[in-house]
């Protein structure tokens, strides 16, 4: 999974799902739900999922801060 933040404020979760092993729509819905739960200050209406690659200009520093914060939260659990 990759996390991107667009210039207009959307959070984009993207990745490839192997349909042989997983239901892509159900998996992406679960990923979105978990991301929103882990980041309650983010507007859930601005979180979208993309099956495949997302090629759009992103705010890499902001996305990196969220990823780093999520990783430090996992380490503290």
Protein backbone atom coordinates (compact mmCIF):
# COMPACT_ATOMS: atom_id res chain seq x y z
CA UNK A 1 0.00 0.00 0.00
CA UNK A 2 1.09 3.52 -0.72
CA UNK A 3 -0.14 6.72 0.86
CA UNK A 4 -0.33 9.95 -1.11
CA UNK A 5 -1.62 13.39 -0.23
CA UNK A 6 -2.84 15.49 -3.14
CA UNK A 7 -2.37 19.21 -3.46
CA UNK A 8 -6.11 19.72 -3.00
CA UNK A 9 -6.17 17.89 0.34
CA UNK A 10 -7.15 14.31 -0.47
CA UNK A 11 -5.48 11.27 1.10
CA UNK A 12 -5.08 8.48 -1.44
CA UNK A 13 -4.42 4.89 -0.41
CA UNK A 14 -3.33 2.86 -3.41
CA UNK A 15 -2.01 -0.58 -4.10
CA UNK A 16 -2.34 -3.80 -6.02
CA UNK A 17 -4.48 -6.65 -4.73
CA UNK A 18 -4.07 -10.21 -6.00
CA UNK A 19 -7.67 -11.23 -6.82
CA UNK A 20 -6.71 -14.88 -6.51
CA UNK A 21 -6.16 -14.44 -2.78
CA UNK A 22 -8.20 -11.39 -1.77
CA UNK A 23 -11.40 -9.56 -2.63
CA UNK A 24 -10.00 -6.21 -3.82
CA UNK A 25 -13.02 -4.07 -2.95
CA UNK A 26 -13.41 -5.56 0.54
CA UNK A 27 -9.68 -5.26 1.22
CA UNK A 28 -9.53 -1.62 0.14
CA UNK A 29 -12.64 -0.77 2.16
CA UNK A 30 -10.99 -2.29 5.24
CA UNK A 31 -7.75 -0.38 4.58
CA UNK A 32 -9.71 2.89 4.32
CA UNK A 33 -11.62 2.15 7.52
CA UNK A 34 -8.40 1.36 9.42
CA UNK A 35 -6.66 4.49 8.10
CA UNK A 36 -9.56 6.70 9.19
CA UNK A 37 -9.68 5.05 12.61
CA UNK A 38 -5.91 5.52 13.05
CA UNK A 39 -6.09 9.17 11.95
CA UNK A 40 -9.26 10.63 13.54
CA UNK A 41 -8.28 14.25 12.81
CA UNK A 42 -8.36 13.65 9.03
CA UNK A 43 -11.64 14.42 7.26
CA UNK A 44 -12.91 10.97 6.24
CA UNK A 45 -14.57 12.48 3.15
CA UNK A 46 -11.07 13.30 1.89
CA UNK A 47 -9.82 9.69 2.08
CA UNK A 48 -10.05 7.67 -1.13
CA UNK A 49 -8.71 4.30 -2.23
CA UNK A 50 -7.31 3.33 -5.62
CA UNK A 51 -6.77 -0.22 -6.77
CA UNK A 52 -3.54 0.00 -8.73
CA UNK A 53 -1.11 2.89 -8.95
CA UNK A 54 -1.91 6.52 -8.27
CA UNK A 55 0.20 8.93 -10.30
CA UNK A 56 -0.57 12.44 -9.10
CA UNK A 57 1.48 15.26 -7.63
CA UNK A 58 1.64 14.66 -3.89
CA UNK A 59 2.66 16.40 -0.74
CA UNK A 60 5.41 13.91 0.12
CA UNK A 61 6.47 15.57 3.36
CA UNK A 62 2.95 15.45 4.81
CA UNK A 63 2.42 11.84 3.72
CA UNK A 64 5.78 10.92 5.25
CA UNK A 65 4.82 12.50 8.58
CA UNK A 66 1.62 10.43 8.70
CA UNK A 67 3.47 7.22 7.82
CA UNK A 68 6.19 7.94 10.37
CA UNK A 69 3.56 8.70 13.01
CA UNK A 70 1.71 5.47 12.26
CA UNK A 71 4.95 3.49 12.49
CA UNK A 72 5.86 5.06 15.85
CA UNK A 73 2.35 4.28 17.16
CA UNK A 74 2.77 0.62 16.17
CA UNK A 75 6.14 0.49 17.91
CA UNK A 76 4.63 1.84 21.13
CA UNK A 77 1.82 -0.74 21.21
